[in-house]
N, C-alpha and C. Protein backbone atom coordinates (compact mmCIF):
# COMPACT_ATOMS: atom_id res chain seq x y z
N UNK A 1 19.16 15.93 -47.46
CA UNK A 1 19.86 14.79 -46.94
C UNK A 1 19.24 14.34 -45.63
N UNK A 2 19.19 13.02 -45.46
CA UNK A 2 18.62 12.45 -44.23
C UNK A 2 19.66 12.42 -43.13
N UNK A 3 19.26 12.83 -41.96
CA UNK A 3 20.12 12.67 -40.78
C UNK A 3 19.86 11.28 -40.22
N UNK A 4 20.90 10.58 -39.81
CA UNK A 4 20.65 9.27 -39.19
C UNK A 4 19.90 9.47 -37.87
N UNK A 5 19.00 8.55 -37.61
CA UNK A 5 18.25 8.61 -36.35
C UNK A 5 19.21 8.44 -35.18
N UNK A 6 18.99 9.21 -34.16
CA UNK A 6 19.83 9.08 -32.97
C UNK A 6 19.61 7.70 -32.37
N UNK A 7 20.69 7.03 -32.05
CA UNK A 7 20.50 5.72 -31.46
C UNK A 7 20.14 5.89 -29.99
N UNK A 8 19.10 5.23 -29.63
CA UNK A 8 18.61 5.31 -28.26
C UNK A 8 19.00 4.00 -27.57
N UNK A 9 19.63 4.13 -26.42
CA UNK A 9 20.05 2.94 -25.68
C UNK A 9 18.81 2.14 -25.27
N UNK A 10 18.89 0.83 -25.38
CA UNK A 10 17.76 0.00 -24.96
C UNK A 10 17.49 0.18 -23.47
N UNK A 11 16.24 0.13 -23.11
CA UNK A 11 15.90 0.23 -21.69
C UNK A 11 15.17 -1.04 -21.26
N UNK A 12 15.37 -1.40 -20.00
CA UNK A 12 14.68 -2.53 -19.40
C UNK A 12 13.48 -1.96 -18.65
N UNK A 13 12.34 -2.62 -18.84
CA UNK A 13 11.10 -2.16 -18.22
C UNK A 13 10.49 -3.32 -17.44
N UNK A 14 10.03 -3.04 -16.22
CA UNK A 14 9.34 -4.04 -15.42
C UNK A 14 7.89 -3.59 -15.26
N UNK A 15 6.98 -4.52 -15.50
CA UNK A 15 5.55 -4.20 -15.43
C UNK A 15 4.88 -4.97 -14.30
N UNK A 16 3.82 -4.35 -13.77
CA UNK A 16 3.09 -4.92 -12.64
C UNK A 16 1.59 -4.94 -12.92
N UNK A 17 0.98 -6.08 -12.64
CA UNK A 17 -0.47 -6.21 -12.66
C UNK A 17 -0.88 -6.30 -11.19
N UNK A 18 -1.31 -5.15 -10.64
CA UNK A 18 -1.58 -5.07 -9.20
C UNK A 18 -2.94 -5.65 -8.84
N UNK A 19 -2.94 -6.44 -7.79
CA UNK A 19 -4.17 -6.95 -7.19
C UNK A 19 -4.01 -6.95 -5.69
N UNK A 20 -5.11 -6.96 -4.97
CA UNK A 20 -5.01 -6.89 -3.51
C UNK A 20 -4.45 -8.18 -2.91
N UNK A 21 -4.60 -9.32 -3.61
CA UNK A 21 -4.05 -10.58 -3.10
C UNK A 21 -2.79 -11.01 -3.83
N UNK A 22 -2.69 -10.66 -5.10
CA UNK A 22 -1.52 -11.07 -5.90
C UNK A 22 -1.09 -9.93 -6.81
N UNK A 23 0.21 -9.91 -7.08
CA UNK A 23 0.77 -8.92 -8.00
C UNK A 23 1.57 -9.68 -9.06
N UNK A 24 1.17 -9.53 -10.31
CA UNK A 24 1.90 -10.16 -11.40
C UNK A 24 3.05 -9.26 -11.83
N UNK A 25 4.19 -9.88 -12.17
CA UNK A 25 5.37 -9.11 -12.56
C UNK A 25 5.90 -9.69 -13.87
N UNK A 26 6.25 -8.78 -14.79
CA UNK A 26 6.85 -9.17 -16.06
C UNK A 26 7.99 -8.20 -16.35
N UNK A 27 8.88 -8.61 -17.24
CA UNK A 27 9.99 -7.75 -17.63
C UNK A 27 10.15 -7.81 -19.14
N UNK A 28 10.71 -6.75 -19.69
CA UNK A 28 10.97 -6.70 -21.12
C UNK A 28 11.93 -5.57 -21.41
N UNK A 29 12.23 -5.39 -22.69
CA UNK A 29 13.11 -4.27 -23.03
C UNK A 29 12.62 -3.61 -24.32
N UNK A 30 13.16 -2.44 -24.54
CA UNK A 30 12.70 -1.63 -25.66
C UNK A 30 13.17 -2.15 -27.01
N UNK A 31 14.03 -3.16 -27.03
CA UNK A 31 14.48 -3.73 -28.30
C UNK A 31 13.48 -4.79 -28.77
N UNK A 32 13.18 -5.76 -27.91
CA UNK A 32 12.27 -6.84 -28.32
C UNK A 32 10.81 -6.42 -28.21
N UNK A 33 10.53 -5.47 -27.32
CA UNK A 33 9.16 -5.01 -27.05
C UNK A 33 8.22 -6.16 -26.68
N UNK A 34 8.81 -7.19 -26.10
CA UNK A 34 8.03 -8.35 -25.65
C UNK A 34 8.09 -8.42 -24.14
N UNK A 35 6.98 -8.81 -23.54
CA UNK A 35 6.94 -8.98 -22.09
C UNK A 35 7.18 -10.43 -21.73
N UNK A 36 8.02 -10.66 -20.74
CA UNK A 36 8.29 -12.00 -20.24
C UNK A 36 7.73 -12.12 -18.83
N UNK A 37 6.73 -12.99 -18.64
CA UNK A 37 6.19 -13.16 -17.28
C UNK A 37 7.28 -13.65 -16.34
N UNK A 38 7.42 -12.98 -15.20
CA UNK A 38 8.44 -13.38 -14.23
C UNK A 38 7.84 -14.22 -13.11
N UNK A 39 6.91 -13.61 -12.39
CA UNK A 39 6.34 -14.32 -11.25
C UNK A 39 5.09 -13.61 -10.78
N UNK A 40 4.33 -14.33 -9.99
CA UNK A 40 3.19 -13.76 -9.30
C UNK A 40 3.55 -13.75 -7.82
N UNK A 41 3.48 -12.57 -7.24
CA UNK A 41 3.81 -12.42 -5.82
C UNK A 41 2.52 -12.48 -5.02
N UNK A 42 2.45 -13.43 -4.10
CA UNK A 42 1.33 -13.50 -3.15
C UNK A 42 1.88 -13.11 -1.80
N UNK A 43 1.75 -11.84 -1.46
CA UNK A 43 2.36 -11.33 -0.23
C UNK A 43 1.29 -11.17 0.85
N UNK A 44 1.68 -11.51 2.07
CA UNK A 44 0.75 -11.41 3.19
C UNK A 44 0.55 -9.96 3.64
N UNK A 45 1.55 -9.10 3.33
CA UNK A 45 1.42 -7.69 3.69
C UNK A 45 2.28 -6.85 2.75
N UNK A 46 2.15 -5.55 2.85
CA UNK A 46 2.87 -4.68 1.91
C UNK A 46 4.39 -4.72 2.12
N UNK A 47 4.84 -4.93 3.36
CA UNK A 47 6.29 -5.01 3.59
C UNK A 47 6.88 -6.19 2.83
N UNK A 48 6.22 -7.34 2.91
CA UNK A 48 6.69 -8.54 2.20
C UNK A 48 6.63 -8.31 0.69
N UNK A 49 5.55 -7.70 0.22
CA UNK A 49 5.40 -7.41 -1.20
C UNK A 49 6.56 -6.55 -1.70
N UNK A 50 6.84 -5.46 -1.01
CA UNK A 50 7.89 -4.56 -1.47
C UNK A 50 9.29 -5.15 -1.31
N UNK A 51 9.49 -6.07 -0.34
CA UNK A 51 10.77 -6.76 -0.24
C UNK A 51 10.98 -7.68 -1.45
N UNK A 52 9.91 -8.38 -1.84
CA UNK A 52 9.99 -9.25 -3.03
C UNK A 52 10.27 -8.42 -4.28
N UNK A 53 9.60 -7.28 -4.39
CA UNK A 53 9.81 -6.40 -5.54
C UNK A 53 11.24 -5.86 -5.53
N UNK A 54 11.73 -5.49 -4.36
CA UNK A 54 13.10 -4.97 -4.25
C UNK A 54 14.12 -5.99 -4.77
N UNK A 55 13.89 -7.27 -4.46
CA UNK A 55 14.81 -8.31 -4.95
C UNK A 55 14.74 -8.42 -6.47
N UNK A 56 13.54 -8.34 -7.04
CA UNK A 56 13.41 -8.39 -8.50
C UNK A 56 14.08 -7.18 -9.15
N UNK A 57 13.92 -6.02 -8.54
CA UNK A 57 14.55 -4.82 -9.08
C UNK A 57 16.08 -4.94 -9.04
N UNK A 58 16.60 -5.53 -7.98
CA UNK A 58 18.05 -5.72 -7.87
C UNK A 58 18.56 -6.68 -8.95
N UNK A 59 17.77 -7.72 -9.24
CA UNK A 59 18.16 -8.70 -10.26
C UNK A 59 18.10 -8.12 -11.68
N UNK A 60 17.02 -7.40 -11.98
CA UNK A 60 16.75 -6.97 -13.35
C UNK A 60 17.19 -5.54 -13.65
N UNK A 61 17.33 -4.71 -12.63
CA UNK A 61 17.74 -3.31 -12.78
C UNK A 61 16.99 -2.56 -13.89
N UNK A 62 15.65 -2.50 -13.77
CA UNK A 62 14.89 -1.80 -14.80
C UNK A 62 15.10 -0.29 -14.76
N UNK A 63 14.91 0.33 -15.93
CA UNK A 63 15.01 1.78 -16.05
C UNK A 63 13.66 2.45 -15.83
N UNK A 64 12.60 1.66 -15.97
CA UNK A 64 11.24 2.19 -15.90
C UNK A 64 10.32 1.11 -15.36
N UNK A 65 9.31 1.54 -14.60
CA UNK A 65 8.28 0.63 -14.11
C UNK A 65 6.97 0.99 -14.79
N UNK A 66 6.18 -0.02 -15.12
CA UNK A 66 4.87 0.20 -15.73
C UNK A 66 3.84 -0.49 -14.85
N UNK A 67 2.77 0.22 -14.54
CA UNK A 67 1.71 -0.33 -13.70
C UNK A 67 0.41 -0.28 -14.49
N UNK A 68 -0.29 -1.41 -14.50
CA UNK A 68 -1.60 -1.46 -15.13
C UNK A 68 -2.60 -0.73 -14.26
N UNK A 69 -3.40 0.12 -14.90
CA UNK A 69 -4.42 0.87 -14.18
C UNK A 69 -5.79 0.39 -14.66
N UNK A 70 -6.47 -0.41 -13.81
CA UNK A 70 -7.77 -0.95 -14.21
C UNK A 70 -8.87 0.10 -14.14
N UNK A 71 -9.81 -0.01 -15.06
CA UNK A 71 -11.00 0.86 -15.05
C UNK A 71 -12.19 0.03 -15.51
N UNK A 72 -13.36 0.61 -15.37
CA UNK A 72 -14.56 -0.02 -15.92
C UNK A 72 -14.44 -0.05 -17.44
N UNK A 73 -15.21 -0.91 -18.13
CA UNK A 73 -15.15 -0.96 -19.59
C UNK A 73 -15.35 0.39 -20.27
N UNK A 74 -16.10 1.29 -19.63
CA UNK A 74 -16.32 2.61 -20.25
C UNK A 74 -15.20 3.59 -19.92
N UNK A 75 -14.15 3.11 -19.19
CA UNK A 75 -13.01 3.96 -18.88
C UNK A 75 -13.10 4.69 -17.56
N UNK A 76 -14.24 4.57 -16.89
CA UNK A 76 -14.40 5.27 -15.60
C UNK A 76 -13.66 4.51 -14.50
N UNK A 77 -13.07 5.24 -13.55
CA UNK A 77 -12.33 4.58 -12.46
C UNK A 77 -13.25 3.83 -11.51
N UNK A 78 -12.69 2.86 -10.81
CA UNK A 78 -13.39 2.15 -9.74
C UNK A 78 -12.41 1.94 -8.59
N UNK A 79 -12.80 1.15 -7.61
CA UNK A 79 -12.00 0.98 -6.39
C UNK A 79 -10.57 0.54 -6.70
N UNK A 80 -10.39 -0.40 -7.63
CA UNK A 80 -9.04 -0.90 -7.93
C UNK A 80 -8.20 0.13 -8.69
N UNK A 81 -8.84 1.09 -9.36
CA UNK A 81 -8.08 2.14 -10.04
C UNK A 81 -7.26 2.91 -9.02
N UNK A 82 -7.89 3.30 -7.93
CA UNK A 82 -7.20 4.07 -6.88
C UNK A 82 -6.13 3.22 -6.21
N UNK A 83 -6.42 1.93 -5.99
CA UNK A 83 -5.43 1.06 -5.33
C UNK A 83 -4.21 0.85 -6.22
N UNK A 84 -4.41 0.64 -7.51
CA UNK A 84 -3.30 0.46 -8.43
C UNK A 84 -2.49 1.75 -8.55
N UNK A 85 -3.18 2.89 -8.54
CA UNK A 85 -2.49 4.18 -8.59
C UNK A 85 -1.63 4.36 -7.35
N UNK A 86 -2.18 4.04 -6.20
CA UNK A 86 -1.43 4.15 -4.94
C UNK A 86 -0.20 3.23 -4.97
N UNK A 87 -0.39 2.02 -5.47
CA UNK A 87 0.72 1.07 -5.59
C UNK A 87 1.84 1.64 -6.47
N UNK A 88 1.48 2.18 -7.62
CA UNK A 88 2.48 2.79 -8.51
C UNK A 88 3.20 3.95 -7.85
N UNK A 89 2.44 4.77 -7.12
CA UNK A 89 3.06 5.90 -6.41
C UNK A 89 4.01 5.41 -5.32
N UNK A 90 3.66 4.30 -4.67
CA UNK A 90 4.54 3.72 -3.65
C UNK A 90 5.82 3.17 -4.30
N UNK A 91 5.68 2.53 -5.46
CA UNK A 91 6.87 2.04 -6.17
C UNK A 91 7.82 3.21 -6.46
N UNK A 92 7.26 4.28 -6.98
CA UNK A 92 8.07 5.46 -7.30
C UNK A 92 8.74 6.03 -6.04
N UNK A 93 7.97 6.15 -4.98
CA UNK A 93 8.49 6.72 -3.74
C UNK A 93 9.57 5.86 -3.09
N UNK A 94 9.40 4.55 -3.13
CA UNK A 94 10.36 3.66 -2.48
C UNK A 94 11.61 3.43 -3.30
N UNK A 95 11.45 3.31 -4.62
CA UNK A 95 12.57 2.86 -5.44
C UNK A 95 13.11 3.95 -6.38
N UNK A 96 12.47 5.11 -6.38
CA UNK A 96 12.94 6.28 -7.14
C UNK A 96 13.15 5.98 -8.62
N UNK A 97 12.22 5.20 -9.17
CA UNK A 97 12.23 4.91 -10.61
C UNK A 97 10.97 5.53 -11.22
N UNK A 98 11.07 5.96 -12.48
CA UNK A 98 9.88 6.51 -13.11
C UNK A 98 8.81 5.43 -13.29
N UNK A 99 7.56 5.83 -13.19
CA UNK A 99 6.43 4.91 -13.34
C UNK A 99 5.54 5.42 -14.47
N UNK A 100 5.20 4.53 -15.38
CA UNK A 100 4.25 4.84 -16.44
C UNK A 100 3.00 4.01 -16.20
N UNK A 101 1.87 4.48 -16.71
CA UNK A 101 0.58 3.82 -16.49
C UNK A 101 0.04 3.29 -17.81
N UNK A 102 -0.62 2.14 -17.74
CA UNK A 102 -1.25 1.55 -18.92
C UNK A 102 -2.67 1.16 -18.55
N UNK A 103 -3.60 1.48 -19.43
CA UNK A 103 -4.99 1.07 -19.27
C UNK A 103 -5.03 -0.45 -19.41
N UNK A 104 -5.40 -1.13 -18.34
CA UNK A 104 -5.35 -2.60 -18.37
C UNK A 104 -6.73 -3.23 -18.28
N UNK A 105 -7.72 -2.57 -18.82
CA UNK A 105 -9.08 -3.09 -18.74
C UNK A 105 -9.22 -4.55 -19.12
N UNK A 106 -8.53 -4.98 -20.15
CA UNK A 106 -8.78 -6.32 -20.69
C UNK A 106 -7.62 -7.28 -20.59
N UNK A 107 -6.57 -6.93 -19.84
CA UNK A 107 -5.38 -7.79 -19.81
C UNK A 107 -5.69 -9.18 -19.27
N UNK A 108 -6.43 -9.30 -18.18
CA UNK A 108 -6.74 -10.61 -17.61
C UNK A 108 -7.76 -11.35 -18.46
N UNK A 109 -8.71 -10.64 -19.02
CA UNK A 109 -9.76 -11.26 -19.83
C UNK A 109 -9.16 -11.97 -21.03
N UNK A 110 -8.13 -11.38 -21.62
CA UNK A 110 -7.48 -11.95 -22.79
C UNK A 110 -6.93 -13.33 -22.47
N UNK A 111 -6.47 -13.53 -21.24
CA UNK A 111 -5.79 -14.77 -20.88
C UNK A 111 -6.66 -15.81 -20.20
N UNK A 112 -7.81 -15.44 -19.69
CA UNK A 112 -8.58 -16.36 -18.85
C UNK A 112 -8.96 -17.66 -19.56
N UNK A 113 -9.10 -17.63 -20.86
CA UNK A 113 -9.46 -18.83 -21.59
C UNK A 113 -8.30 -19.77 -21.83
N UNK A 114 -7.09 -19.35 -21.61
CA UNK A 114 -5.91 -20.16 -21.87
C UNK A 114 -5.54 -20.93 -20.60
N UNK A 115 -5.85 -22.22 -20.58
CA UNK A 115 -5.63 -23.04 -19.38
C UNK A 115 -4.16 -23.12 -18.99
N UNK A 116 -3.25 -23.08 -19.95
CA UNK A 116 -1.83 -23.18 -19.64
C UNK A 116 -1.35 -21.99 -18.83
N UNK A 117 -2.01 -20.85 -18.95
CA UNK A 117 -1.52 -19.64 -18.28
C UNK A 117 -2.21 -19.39 -16.95
N UNK A 118 -3.20 -20.19 -16.60
CA UNK A 118 -3.96 -19.89 -15.39
C UNK A 118 -3.12 -19.91 -14.13
N UNK A 119 -2.12 -20.79 -14.07
CA UNK A 119 -1.30 -20.88 -12.86
C UNK A 119 -0.55 -19.59 -12.60
N UNK A 120 -0.20 -18.90 -13.63
CA UNK A 120 0.59 -17.68 -13.49
C UNK A 120 -0.12 -16.53 -14.21
N UNK A 121 -1.43 -16.51 -14.09
CA UNK A 121 -2.25 -15.55 -14.83
C UNK A 121 -1.82 -14.10 -14.59
N UNK A 122 -1.51 -13.75 -13.35
CA UNK A 122 -1.17 -12.37 -13.04
C UNK A 122 0.15 -11.95 -13.70
N UNK A 123 1.12 -12.85 -13.74
CA UNK A 123 2.40 -12.52 -14.40
C UNK A 123 2.20 -12.39 -15.91
N UNK A 124 1.35 -13.24 -16.48
CA UNK A 124 1.06 -13.13 -17.92
C UNK A 124 0.28 -11.84 -18.21
N UNK A 125 -0.59 -11.46 -17.30
CA UNK A 125 -1.30 -10.18 -17.45
C UNK A 125 -0.31 -9.02 -17.43
N UNK A 126 0.69 -9.11 -16.55
CA UNK A 126 1.72 -8.07 -16.49
C UNK A 126 2.49 -8.01 -17.81
N UNK A 127 2.74 -9.17 -18.43
CA UNK A 127 3.43 -9.19 -19.72
C UNK A 127 2.60 -8.50 -20.80
N UNK A 128 1.29 -8.71 -20.77
CA UNK A 128 0.40 -8.03 -21.74
C UNK A 128 0.40 -6.53 -21.49
N UNK A 129 0.38 -6.13 -20.23
CA UNK A 129 0.44 -4.71 -19.88
C UNK A 129 1.72 -4.10 -20.43
N UNK A 130 2.83 -4.82 -20.28
CA UNK A 130 4.11 -4.32 -20.77
C UNK A 130 4.11 -4.19 -22.30
N UNK A 131 3.59 -5.19 -22.98
CA UNK A 131 3.54 -5.13 -24.44
C UNK A 131 2.62 -4.01 -24.92
N UNK A 132 1.55 -3.78 -24.18
CA UNK A 132 0.65 -2.67 -24.51
C UNK A 132 1.38 -1.34 -24.33
N UNK A 133 2.19 -1.24 -23.28
CA UNK A 133 2.98 -0.02 -23.06
C UNK A 133 3.91 0.22 -24.26
N UNK A 134 4.64 -0.82 -24.67
CA UNK A 134 5.55 -0.67 -25.81
C UNK A 134 4.78 -0.28 -27.08
N UNK A 135 3.60 -0.85 -27.28
CA UNK A 135 2.80 -0.52 -28.46
C UNK A 135 2.36 0.96 -28.41
N UNK A 136 1.96 1.42 -27.23
CA UNK A 136 1.53 2.81 -27.08
C UNK A 136 2.69 3.78 -27.29
N UNK A 137 3.85 3.46 -26.74
CA UNK A 137 5.02 4.31 -26.89
C UNK A 137 5.45 4.34 -28.36
N UNK A 138 5.42 3.18 -29.01
CA UNK A 138 5.80 3.11 -30.42
C UNK A 138 4.87 3.91 -31.30
N UNK A 139 3.57 3.88 -31.01
CA UNK A 139 2.63 4.63 -31.84
C UNK A 139 2.77 6.13 -31.62
N UNK A 140 3.15 6.55 -30.40
CA UNK A 140 3.36 7.97 -30.14
C UNK A 140 4.60 8.48 -30.86
N UNK A 141 5.61 7.62 -31.00
CA UNK A 141 6.84 8.04 -31.66
C UNK A 141 6.62 8.27 -33.16
N UNK A 142 5.61 7.57 -33.73
CA UNK A 142 5.34 7.68 -35.16
C UNK A 142 4.52 8.92 -35.46
N UNK A 143 3.71 9.35 -34.52
CA UNK A 143 2.80 10.48 -34.76
C UNK A 143 3.52 11.77 -35.06
């Protein structure tokens, strides 16, 4: 006899595409597994950046944060890998939410050809990072 699958409560996830000048933010949930671009934050300093993030967290109340971790095409780390890692660690330290990492080598490249998305490219990149996270989690659950 089959046991019914345990129902898992949906979770809200907020994703970040970290850059030194701009940070893209998207949100989604484990039911739709779709990322919705929220905004691109252009902060003059880290205090302003984290205040903007704090307001988004208060509005959306995510259960998990996802940060894109950029690498070279061959998967080797570079300067931005360490900066994105530090950013994710700061999110965890400041807001006490779990942080997951996604390989984001091609998230911006996928969108650069789409003129409609250029104004908010970083937020759309964050949405792709989020959808990639859901795809990776879903494939692990099947294994």
